[in-house]
Amino acid sequence: MKVNILCIGDIVGRPGRRILSEKLKAFIAERNIDCVIANAENSAGGSGITPPIYEKLLRCGINLITLGDHTYRKKDIIPVLENGTNIVRPANLSELAAGKGFATFKTGKGVAVTVVSLIGRIFMKPADCPYNAVEKILARLAGSGGIIFVDFHAEATSEKAAMGYFLDGRVSCVFGTHTHVPTADEKILPKGTAYITDVGMTGAHNSIIGRNVESVLKSFRTQMPYPYEVATGDVRMNACLVEVNGDTKKAEKIERIMIKADNDERLGYDEDDGRPEYLNAF
């Protein structure tokens, strides 16, 4: 039995959400996808996620939601993190941090898919050891018989590659998020784990990683804070599609996916985004 799992890269603001609402369900049907995992830590105005957006993403066809360094940017998501069974924050944050480090979805084929969220430590804010965190989770999941995917939300490509080889043969897939730029290194590792350094971004690609070009340039050139508005042109969905053997839990195929919107997205913020935040660094 083959299980098809789609991993969607960082959803950035309303343009990213809109292309999912327009394209995702048809793609799920076309490719016989059994489970959809999406990183949504930038889905609310480019930074964080809100409860209404969380609900909208589930209605688009997403089954499991992962987050990253902007997990707590919108504080009203904390009750969802505590009570939701399909949304996770990085497992190697403090044990006292709100939310869970892994979540499980049971597919229509009866096979369970678990996603584990981890965050990197190179060029990132301080976090606990991701290797120790995932070891503890794998010990808890031992004997469950399910498929395990790991979203490693990290900046450094070497750190992501190291995690891929560390987990090779122990999970079905390690996919990277955070940099918003898709990499062309998708592969099956020697022991049967699918790997890609970064699946890319779901949002406006006529941008600087999803944000308005002029605002980001002003910030870099002047070192002054500017509002990093979400960009709106050339909207695309970046993802990877992984085919897993439901019996062995080994990955058999990984494919990069890029879907373009029919028309350029010309929508800015909506009421679920909150106001643009003034940032002087990504």
Foldseek 3Di string as FASTA:
>chain_A
DKAKEKEWAEQAEDQLLVCLQVPVVVVCVVVVHFAYEYEHCRHQQGHGAAPVVVVSNVVSPHQAYEYEPRHCVPVNCLVCQQPPQRYAYAQQADPPDGHHQKHWDQTPVRAIEMEGEHEDDVVDPDTGDSVVRVVVVLVVCPPVLHAYEYEYEYDDLVVQVVVCVVCQLPHAEYEYHHQQQFDPPWDQDPNFHTYGSHQHYFEAPVDRSQWHNVQLVCLVVVVFWDFGWGDWFWGKIGIKMWMADSNSSGTDDIGIDIDTDPHTGPDTHDPRNPDGDTDSDD
